[in-house]
Amino acid sequence: MPTARPSTESARINLRTSPEAKALIERAAALMGTTVSGLMVQNAYEAARRIVADNATLVLSQQAFAAFVAAGEDPSEPNEALCALIARR
């Protein structure tokens, strides 16, 4: 059985920006002691992770959660529209 290993492959992302933004990013990278690529990848990755996590989480009030659980415990009979939807291919 193969073991999980960190990938040594890399992929390229190209982008364009204004000269002012480029200069500021280069300055920030130098202040952080990293490369422009390192700074951008770290920050873009963290932002992407937050966005994905925020969109993968459903927050319900106690009342909405109770209604959700009740609907699952006592489902209603399927109506014509649901039966038609299920019958579609």
PDB file of N, CA and C in Angstrom:
ATOM      1  N   MET A   1       0.848  -1.180   0.000  1.00  0.00           N
ATOM      2  CA  MET A   1       0.000   0.000   0.000  1.00  0.00           C
ATOM      3  C   MET A   1       0.891   1.240   0.000  1.00  0.00           C
ATOM      4  N   PRO A   2       0.634   2.193  -0.940  1.00  0.00           N
ATOM      5  CA  PRO A   2       1.487   3.375  -1.008  1.00  0.00           C
ATOM      6  C   PRO A   2       1.263   4.287   0.201  1.00  0.00           C
ATOM      7  N   THR A   3       2.350   4.950   0.605  1.00  0.00           N
ATOM      8  CA  THR A   3       2.249   5.892   1.717  1.00  0.00           C
ATOM      9  C   THR A   3       2.062   7.297   1.180  1.00  0.00           C
ATOM     10  N   ALA A   4       1.424   8.141   1.956  1.00  0.00           N
ATOM     11  CA  ALA A   4       1.213   9.534   1.544  1.00  0.00           C
ATOM     12  C   ALA A   4       2.503  10.315   1.739  1.00  0.00           C
ATOM     13  N   ARG A   5       2.923  10.994   0.695  1.00  0.00           N
ATOM     14  CA  ARG A   5       4.118  11.828   0.751  1.00  0.00           C
ATOM     15  C   ARG A   5       3.778  13.211   0.231  1.00  0.00           C
ATOM     16  N   PRO A   6       4.406  14.232   0.757  1.00  0.00           N
ATOM     17  CA  PRO A   6       4.172  15.575   0.219  1.00  0.00           C
ATOM     18  C   PRO A   6       4.608  15.631  -1.240  1.00  0.00           C
ATOM     19  N   SER A   7       3.846  16.319  -2.040  1.00  0.00           N
ATOM     20  CA  SER A   7       4.167  16.443  -3.458  1.00  0.00           C
ATOM     21  C   SER A   7       5.369  17.362  -3.648  1.00  0.00           C
ATOM     22  N   THR A   8       6.260  16.967  -4.540  1.00  0.00           N
ATOM     23  CA  THR A   8       7.396  17.829  -4.877  1.00  0.00           C
ATOM     24  C   THR A   8       7.120  18.560  -6.183  1.00  0.00           C
ATOM     25  N   GLU A   9       5.951  18.306  -6.768  1.00  0.00           N
ATOM     26  CA  GLU A   9       5.586  18.987  -8.008  1.00  0.00           C
ATOM     27  C   GLU A   9       5.128  20.404  -7.701  1.00  0.00           C
ATOM     28  N   SER A  10       5.206  21.250  -8.699  1.00  0.00           N
ATOM     29  CA  SER A  10       4.707  22.607  -8.533  1.00  0.00           C
ATOM     30  C   SER A  10       3.895  22.979  -9.765  1.00  0.00           C
ATOM     31  N   ALA A  11       3.043  23.950  -9.599  1.00  0.00           N
ATOM     32  CA  ALA A  11       2.224  24.453 -10.699  1.00  0.00           C
ATOM     33  C   ALA A  11       2.389  25.962 -10.756  1.00  0.00           C
ATOM     34  N   ARG A  12       2.256  26.497 -11.927  1.00  0.00           N
ATOM     35  CA  ARG A  12       2.486  27.930 -12.131  1.00  0.00           C
ATOM     36  C   ARG A  12       1.160  28.680 -12.157  1.00  0.00           C
ATOM     37  N   ILE A  13       1.145  29.862 -11.533  1.00  0.00           N
ATOM     38  CA  ILE A  13       0.037  30.812 -11.617  1.00  0.00           C
ATOM     39  C   ILE A  13       0.638  32.124 -12.091  1.00  0.00           C
ATOM     40  N   ASN A  14       0.121  32.664 -13.167  1.00  0.00           N
ATOM     41  CA  ASN A  14       0.602  33.945 -13.692  1.00  0.00           C
ATOM     42  C   ASN A  14      -0.442  35.015 -13.414  1.00  0.00           C
ATOM     43  N   LEU A  15       0.011  36.218 -13.108  1.00  0.00           N
ATOM     44  CA  LEU A  15      -0.920  37.323 -12.917  1.00  0.00           C
ATOM     45  C   LEU A  15      -0.256  38.623 -13.307  1.00  0.00           C
ATOM     46  N   ARG A  16      -1.090  39.597 -13.567  1.00  0.00           N
ATOM     47  CA  ARG A  16      -0.603  40.932 -13.904  1.00  0.00           C
ATOM     48  C   ARG A  16      -1.094  41.903 -12.845  1.00  0.00           C
ATOM     49  N   THR A  17      -0.301  42.924 -12.588  1.00  0.00           N
ATOM     50  CA  THR A  17      -0.671  43.940 -11.605  1.00  0.00           C
ATOM     51  C   THR A  17      -0.064  45.269 -12.015  1.00  0.00           C
ATOM     52  N   SER A  18      -0.411  46.296 -11.308  1.00  0.00           N
ATOM     53  CA  SER A  18       0.151  47.618 -11.595  1.00  0.00           C
ATOM     54  C   SER A  18       1.585  47.681 -11.055  1.00  0.00           C
ATOM     55  N   PRO A  19       2.379  48.577 -11.602  1.00  0.00           N
ATOM     56  CA  PRO A  19       3.745  48.736 -11.078  1.00  0.00           C
ATOM     57  C   PRO A  19       3.755  49.117  -9.595  1.00  0.00           C
ATOM     58  N   GLU A  20       2.776  49.913  -9.161  1.00  0.00           N
ATOM     59  CA  GLU A  20       2.707  50.315  -7.753  1.00  0.00           C
ATOM     60  C   GLU A  20       2.437  49.108  -6.847  1.00  0.00           C
ATOM     61  N   ALA A  21       1.499  48.249  -7.261  1.00  0.00           N
ATOM     62  CA  ALA A  21       1.190  47.059  -6.465  1.00  0.00           C
ATOM     63  C   ALA A  21       2.388  46.121  -6.437  1.00  0.00           C
ATOM     64  N   LYS A  22       3.064  45.975  -7.565  1.00  0.00           N
ATOM     65  CA  LYS A  22       4.243  45.112  -7.624  1.00  0.00           C
ATOM     66  C   LYS A  22       5.316  45.604  -6.661  1.00  0.00           C
ATOM     67  N   ALA A  23       5.565  46.910  -6.672  1.00  0.00           N
ATOM     68  CA  ALA A  23       6.592  47.473  -5.793  1.00  0.00           C
ATOM     69  C   ALA A  23       6.228  47.267  -4.325  1.00  0.00           C
ATOM     70  N   LEU A  24       4.975  47.447  -3.978  1.00  0.00           N
ATOM     71  CA  LEU A  24       4.548  47.265  -2.592  1.00  0.00           C
ATOM     72  C   LEU A  24       4.662  45.798  -2.171  1.00  0.00           C
ATOM     73  N   ILE A  25       4.287  44.896  -3.057  1.00  0.00           N
ATOM     74  CA  ILE A  25       4.400  43.458  -2.763  1.00  0.00           C
ATOM     75  C   ILE A  25       5.862  43.069  -2.591  1.00  0.00           C
ATOM     76  N   GLU A  26       6.729  43.583  -3.453  1.00  0.00           N
ATOM     77  CA  GLU A  26       8.161  43.296  -3.326  1.00  0.00           C
ATOM     78  C   GLU A  26       8.713  43.829  -2.003  1.00  0.00           C
ATOM     79  N   ARG A  27       8.271  45.009  -1.614  1.00  0.00           N
ATOM     80  CA  ARG A  27       8.726  45.590  -0.349  1.00  0.00           C
ATOM     81  C   ARG A  27       8.251  44.737   0.830  1.00  0.00           C
ATOM     82  N   ALA A  28       6.995  44.320   0.791  1.00  0.00           N
ATOM     83  CA  ALA A  28       6.449  43.490   1.871  1.00  0.00           C
ATOM     84  C   ALA A  28       7.194  42.163   1.958  1.00  0.00           C
ATOM     85  N   ALA A  29       7.488  41.558   0.817  1.00  0.00           N
ATOM     86  CA  ALA A  29       8.221  40.295   0.808  1.00  0.00           C
ATOM     87  C   ALA A  29       9.601  40.475   1.422  1.00  0.00           C
ATOM     88  N   ALA A  30      10.272  41.563   1.071  1.00  0.00           N
ATOM     89  CA  ALA A  30      11.603  41.821   1.625  1.00  0.00           C
ATOM     90  C   ALA A  30      11.523  42.016   3.143  1.00  0.00           C
ATOM     91  N   LEU A  31      10.514  42.740   3.603  1.00  0.00           N
ATOM     92  CA  LEU A  31      10.356  42.959   5.040  1.00  0.00           C
ATOM     93  C   LEU A  31      10.071  41.655   5.787  1.00  0.00           C
ATOM     94  N   MET A  32       9.388  40.734   5.120  1.00  0.00           N
ATOM     95  CA  MET A  32       9.067  39.443   5.734  1.00  0.00           C
ATOM     96  C   MET A  32      10.201  38.436   5.569  1.00  0.00           C
ATOM     97  N   GLY A  33      11.204  38.792   4.788  1.00  0.00           N
ATOM     98  CA  GLY A  33      12.330  37.883   4.572  1.00  0.00           C
ATOM     99  C   GLY A  33      11.968  36.691   3.707  1.00  0.00           C
ATOM    100  N   THR A  34      11.085  36.903   2.767  1.00  0.00           N
ATOM    101  CA  THR A  34      10.662  35.827   1.880  1.00  0.00           C
ATOM    102  C   THR A  34      10.667  36.331   0.443  1.00  0.00           C
ATOM    103  N   THR A  35      10.327  35.466  -0.461  1.00  0.00           N
ATOM    104  CA  THR A  35      10.242  35.854  -1.871  1.00  0.00           C
ATOM    105  C   THR A  35       8.845  36.381  -2.162  1.00  0.00           C
ATOM    106  N   VAL A  36       8.717  37.067  -3.291  1.00  0.00           N
ATOM    107  CA  VAL A  36       7.403  37.528  -3.731  1.00  0.00           C
ATOM    108  C   VAL A  36       6.484  36.328  -3.911  1.00  0.00           C
ATOM    109  N   SER A  37       6.994  35.285  -4.535  1.00  0.00           N
ATOM    110  CA  SER A  37       6.176  34.077  -4.731  1.00  0.00           C
ATOM    111  C   SER A  37       5.744  33.491  -3.398  1.00  0.00           C
ATOM    112  N   GLY A  38       6.671  33.390  -2.466  1.00  0.00           N
ATOM    113  CA  GLY A  38       6.345  32.833  -1.159  1.00  0.00           C
ATOM    114  C   GLY A  38       5.287  33.649  -0.442  1.00  0.00           C
ATOM    115  N   LEU A  39       5.438  34.962  -0.461  1.00  0.00           N
ATOM    116  CA  LEU A  39       4.470  35.848   0.174  1.00  0.00           C
ATOM    117  C   LEU A  39       3.095  35.703  -0.461  1.00  0.00           C
ATOM    118  N   MET A  40       3.060  35.716  -1.776  1.00  0.00           N
ATOM    119  CA  MET A  40       1.785  35.660  -2.473  1.00  0.00           C
ATOM    120  C   MET A  40       1.110  34.301  -2.310  1.00  0.00           C
ATOM    121  N   VAL A  41       1.869  33.232  -2.407  1.00  0.00           N
ATOM    122  CA  VAL A  41       1.283  31.906  -2.253  1.00  0.00           C
ATOM    123  C   VAL A  41       0.734  31.723  -0.846  1.00  0.00           C
ATOM    124  N   GLN A  42       1.495  32.097   0.155  1.00  0.00           N
ATOM    125  CA  GLN A  42       1.049  31.932   1.538  1.00  0.00           C
ATOM    126  C   GLN A  42      -0.240  32.705   1.784  1.00  0.00           C
ATOM    127  N   ASN A  43      -0.280  33.965   1.368  1.00  0.00           N
ATOM    128  CA  ASN A  43      -1.464  34.787   1.614  1.00  0.00           C
ATOM    129  C   ASN A  43      -2.659  34.358   0.766  1.00  0.00           C
ATOM    130  N   ALA A  44      -2.426  34.012  -0.477  1.00  0.00           N
ATOM    131  CA  ALA A  44      -3.526  33.557  -1.334  1.00  0.00           C
ATOM    132  C   ALA A  44      -4.074  32.221  -0.841  1.00  0.00           C
ATOM    133  N   TYR A  45      -3.189  31.329  -0.405  1.00  0.00           N
ATOM    134  CA  TYR A  45      -3.615  30.025   0.099  1.00  0.00           C
ATOM    135  C   TYR A  45      -4.461  30.179   1.355  1.00  0.00           C
ATOM    136  N   GLU A  46      -4.024  31.022   2.277  1.00  0.00           N
ATOM    137  CA  GLU A  46      -4.784  31.231   3.519  1.00  0.00           C
ATOM    138  C   GLU A  46      -6.151  31.858   3.222  1.00  0.00           C
ATOM    139  N   ALA A  47      -6.189  32.826   2.316  1.00  0.00           N
ATOM    140  CA  ALA A  47      -7.465  33.448   1.952  1.00  0.00           C
ATOM    141  C   ALA A  47      -8.385  32.421   1.286  1.00  0.00           C
ATOM    142  N   ALA A  48      -7.848  31.610   0.392  1.00  0.00           N
ATOM    143  CA  ALA A  48      -8.646  30.586  -0.279  1.00  0.00           C
ATOM    144  C   ALA A  48      -9.172  29.558   0.718  1.00  0.00           C
ATOM    145  N   ARG A  49      -8.334  29.162   1.670  1.00  0.00           N
ATOM    146  CA  ARG A  49      -8.749  28.194   2.692  1.00  0.00           C
ATOM    147  C   ARG A  49      -9.905  28.746   3.523  1.00  0.00           C
ATOM    148  N   ARG A  50      -9.819  30.020   3.903  1.00  0.00           N
ATOM    149  CA  ARG A  50     -10.893  30.649   4.679  1.00  0.00           C
ATOM    150  C   ARG A  50     -12.191  30.715   3.884  1.00  0.00           C
ATOM    151  N   ILE A  51     -12.087  31.105   2.617  1.00  0.00           N
ATOM    152  CA  ILE A  51     -13.272  31.222   1.764  1.00  0.00           C
ATOM    153  C   ILE A  51     -13.945  29.871   1.602  1.00  0.00           C
ATOM    154  N   VAL A  52     -13.159  28.835   1.329  1.00  0.00           N
ATOM    155  CA  VAL A  52     -13.719  27.490   1.168  1.00  0.00           C
ATOM    156  C   VAL A  52     -14.347  27.024   2.475  1.00  0.00           C
ATOM    157  N   ALA A  53     -13.678  27.230   3.591  1.00  0.00           N
ATOM    158  CA  ALA A  53     -14.218  26.811   4.889  1.00  0.00           C
ATOM    159  C   ALA A  53     -15.501  27.568   5.208  1.00  0.00           C
ATOM    160  N   ASP A  54     -15.539  28.865   4.933  1.00  0.00           N
ATOM    161  CA  ASP A  54     -16.732  29.654   5.200  1.00  0.00           C
ATOM    162  C   ASP A  54     -17.917  29.186   4.360  1.00  0.00           C
ATOM    163  N   ASN A  55     -17.653  28.711   3.153  1.00  0.00           N
ATOM    164  CA  ASN A  55     -18.723  28.262   2.270  1.00  0.00           C
ATOM    165  C   ASN A  55     -19.071  26.799   2.467  1.00  0.00           C
ATOM    166  N   ALA A  56     -18.307  26.089   3.270  1.00  0.00           N
ATOM    167  CA  ALA A  56     -18.581  24.682   3.541  1.00  0.00           C
ATOM    168  C   ALA A  56     -19.306  24.498   4.868  1.00  0.00           C
ATOM    169  N   THR A  57     -19.565  25.593   5.567  1.00  0.00           N
ATOM    170  CA  THR A  57     -20.186  25.540   6.882  1.00  0.00           C
ATOM    171  C   THR A  57     -21.570  26.166   6.821  1.00  0.00           C
ATOM    172  N   LEU A  58     -22.528  25.467   7.389  1.00  0.00           N
ATOM    173  CA  LEU A  58     -23.890  25.968   7.453  1.00  0.00           C
ATOM    174  C   LEU A  58     -24.202  26.289   8.904  1.00  0.00           C
ATOM    175  N   VAL A  59     -24.598  27.511   9.174  1.00  0.00           N
ATOM    176  CA  VAL A  59     -24.917  27.931  10.530  1.00  0.00           C
ATOM    177  C   VAL A  59     -26.431  28.117  10.633  1.00  0.00           C
ATOM    178  N   LEU A  60     -27.025  27.431  11.597  1.00  0.00           N
ATOM    179  CA  LEU A  60     -28.465  27.527  11.811  1.00  0.00           C
ATOM    180  C   LEU A  60     -28.747  28.013  13.227  1.00  0.00           C
ATOM    181  N   SER A  61     -29.861  28.713  13.374  1.00  0.00           N
ATOM    182  CA  SER A  61     -30.318  29.057  14.715  1.00  0.00           C
ATOM    183  C   SER A  61     -30.829  27.779  15.376  1.00  0.00           C
ATOM    184  N   GLN A  62     -31.019  27.811  16.682  1.00  0.00           N
ATOM    185  CA  GLN A  62     -31.554  26.644  17.394  1.00  0.00           C
ATOM    186  C   GLN A  62     -32.927  26.275  16.841  1.00  0.00           C
ATOM    187  N   GLN A  63     -33.740  27.276  16.541  1.00  0.00           N
ATOM    188  CA  GLN A  63     -35.083  27.026  16.015  1.00  0.00           C
ATOM    189  C   GLN A  63     -35.015  26.380  14.629  1.00  0.00           C
ATOM    190  N   ALA A  64     -34.164  26.881  13.763  1.00  0.00           N
ATOM    191  CA  ALA A  64     -34.024  26.305  12.426  1.00  0.00           C
ATOM    192  C   ALA A  64     -33.467  24.894  12.500  1.00  0.00           C
ATOM    193  N   PHE A  65     -32.511  24.649  13.404  1.00  0.00           N
ATOM    194  CA  PHE A  65     -31.954  23.304  13.558  1.00  0.00           C
ATOM    195  C   PHE A  65     -33.023  22.335  14.049  1.00  0.00           C
ATOM    196  N   ALA A  66     -33.838  22.768  15.006  1.00  0.00           N
ATOM    197  CA  ALA A  66     -34.913  21.917  15.521  1.00  0.00           C
ATOM    198  C   ALA A  66     -35.906  21.579  14.407  1.00  0.00           C
ATOM    199  N   ALA A  67     -36.232  22.548  13.565  1.00  0.00           N
ATOM    200  CA  ALA A  67     -37.146  22.307  12.442  1.00  0.00           C
ATOM    201  C   ALA A  67     -36.523  21.339  11.445  1.00  0.00           C
ATOM    202  N   PHE A  68     -35.236  21.467  11.204  1.00  0.00           N
ATOM    203  CA  PHE A  68     -34.528  20.569  10.293  1.00  0.00           C
ATOM    204  C   PHE A  68     -34.556  19.133  10.810  1.00  0.00           C
ATOM    205  N   VAL A  69     -34.247  18.960  12.088  1.00  0.00           N
ATOM    206  CA  VAL A  69     -34.251  17.630  12.697  1.00  0.00           C
ATOM    207  C   VAL A  69     -35.653  17.047  12.669  1.00  0.00           C
ATOM    208  N   ALA A  70     -36.654  17.854  12.997  1.00  0.00           N
ATOM    209  CA  ALA A  70     -38.044  17.370  12.995  1.00  0.00           C
ATOM    210  C   ALA A  70     -38.463  16.915  11.595  1.00  0.00           C
ATOM    211  N   ALA A  71     -38.066  17.655  10.586  1.00  0.00           N
ATOM    212  CA  ALA A  71     -38.418  17.283   9.214  1.00  0.00           C
ATOM    213  C   ALA A  71     -37.760  15.963   8.821  1.00  0.00           C
ATOM    214  N   GLY A  72     -36.561  15.729   9.310  1.00  0.00           N
ATOM    215  CA  GLY A  72     -35.886  14.463   9.012  1.00  0.00           C
ATOM    216  C   GLY A  72     -36.477  13.297   9.768  1.00  0.00           C
ATOM    217  N   GLU A  73     -36.975  13.547  10.951  1.00  0.00           N
ATOM    218  CA  GLU A  73     -37.546  12.475  11.767  1.00  0.00           C
ATOM    219  C   GLU A  73     -38.962  12.126  11.341  1.00  0.00           C
ATOM    220  N   ASP A  74     -39.673  13.072  10.756  1.00  0.00           N
ATOM    221  CA  ASP A  74     -41.058  12.836  10.341  1.00  0.00           C
ATOM    222  C   ASP A  74     -41.255  13.401   8.935  1.00  0.00           C
ATOM    223  N   PRO A  75     -40.660  12.754   7.921  1.00  0.00           N
ATOM    224  CA  PRO A  75     -40.743  13.312   6.567  1.00  0.00           C
ATOM    225  C   PRO A  75     -42.173  13.248   6.031  1.00  0.00           C
ATOM    226  N   SER A  76     -42.538  14.254   5.254  1.00  0.00           N
ATOM    227  CA  SER A  76     -43.866  14.262   4.639  1.00  0.00           C
ATOM    228  C   SER A  76     -43.848  13.371   3.396  1.00  0.00           C
ATOM    229  N   GLU A  77     -45.042  13.026   2.938  1.00  0.00           N
ATOM    230  CA  GLU A  77     -45.162  12.198   1.729  1.00  0.00           C
ATOM    231  C   GLU A  77     -44.717  13.018   0.518  1.00  0.00           C
ATOM    232  N   PRO A  78     -44.073  12.378  -0.450  1.00  0.00           N
ATOM    233  CA  PRO A  78     -43.655  13.123  -1.643  1.00  0.00           C
ATOM    234  C   PRO A  78     -44.880  13.624  -2.414  1.00  0.00           C
ATOM    235  N   ASN A  79     -44.798  14.865  -2.897  1.00  0.00           N
ATOM    236  CA  ASN A  79     -45.890  15.434  -3.691  1.00  0.00           C
ATOM    237  C   ASN A  79     -45.645  15.154  -5.176  1.00  0.00           C
ATOM    238  N   GLU A  80     -46.588  15.586  -6.027  1.00  0.00           N
ATOM    239  CA  GLU A  80     -46.476  15.315  -7.475  1.00  0.00           C
ATOM    240  C   GLU A  80     -45.196  15.908  -8.064  1.00  0.00           C
ATOM    241  N   ALA A  81     -44.844  17.111  -7.643  1.00  0.00           N
ATOM    242  CA  ALA A  81     -43.656  17.769  -8.208  1.00  0.00           C
ATOM    243  C   ALA A  81     -42.390  16.975  -7.867  1.00  0.00           C
ATOM    244  N   LEU A  82     -42.286  16.477  -6.650  1.00  0.00           N
ATOM    245  CA  LEU A  82     -41.125  15.691  -6.275  1.00  0.00           C
ATOM    246  C   LEU A  82     -41.085  14.371  -7.037  1.00  0.00           C
ATOM    247  N   CYS A  83     -42.231  13.709  -7.153  1.00  0.00           N
ATOM    248  CA  CYS A  83     -42.281  12.451  -7.912  1.00  0.00           C
ATOM    249  C   CYS A  83     -41.888  12.683  -9.375  1.00  0.00           C
ATOM    250  N   ALA A  84     -42.350  13.781  -9.968  1.00  0.00           N
ATOM    251  CA  ALA A  84     -41.985  14.096 -11.353  1.00  0.00           C
ATOM    252  C   ALA A  84     -40.491  14.377 -11.479  1.00  0.00           C
ATOM    253  N   LEU A  85     -39.942  15.065 -10.498  1.00  0.00           N
ATOM    254  CA  LEU A  85     -38.514  15.360 -10.515  1.00  0.00           C
ATOM    255  C   LEU A  85     -37.693  14.077 -10.408  1.00  0.00           C
ATOM    256  N   ILE A  86     -38.087  13.185  -9.529  1.00  0.00           N
ATOM    257  CA  ILE A  86     -37.378  11.915  -9.360  1.00  0.00           C
ATOM    258  C   ILE A  86     -37.478  11.059 -10.616  1.00  0.00           C
ATOM    259  N   ALA A  87     -38.630  11.118 -11.304  1.00  0.00           N
ATOM    260  CA  ALA A  87     -38.851  10.306 -12.506  1.00  0.00           C
ATOM    261  C   ALA A  87     -38.050  10.808 -13.706  1.00  0.00           C
ATOM    262  N   ARG A  88     -37.627  12.081 -13.682  1.00  0.00           N
ATOM    263  CA  ARG A  88     -36.848  12.628 -14.809  1.00  0.00           C
ATOM    264  C   ARG A  88     -35.497  11.956 -14.894  1.00  0.00           C
ATOM    265  N   ARG A  89     -34.992  11.859 -16.070  1.00  0.00           N
ATOM    266  CA  ARG A  89     -33.656  11.293 -16.260  1.00  0.00           C
ATOM    267  C   ARG A  89     -32.728  12.327 -16.802  1.00  0.00           C
TER     268      ARG A  89
END
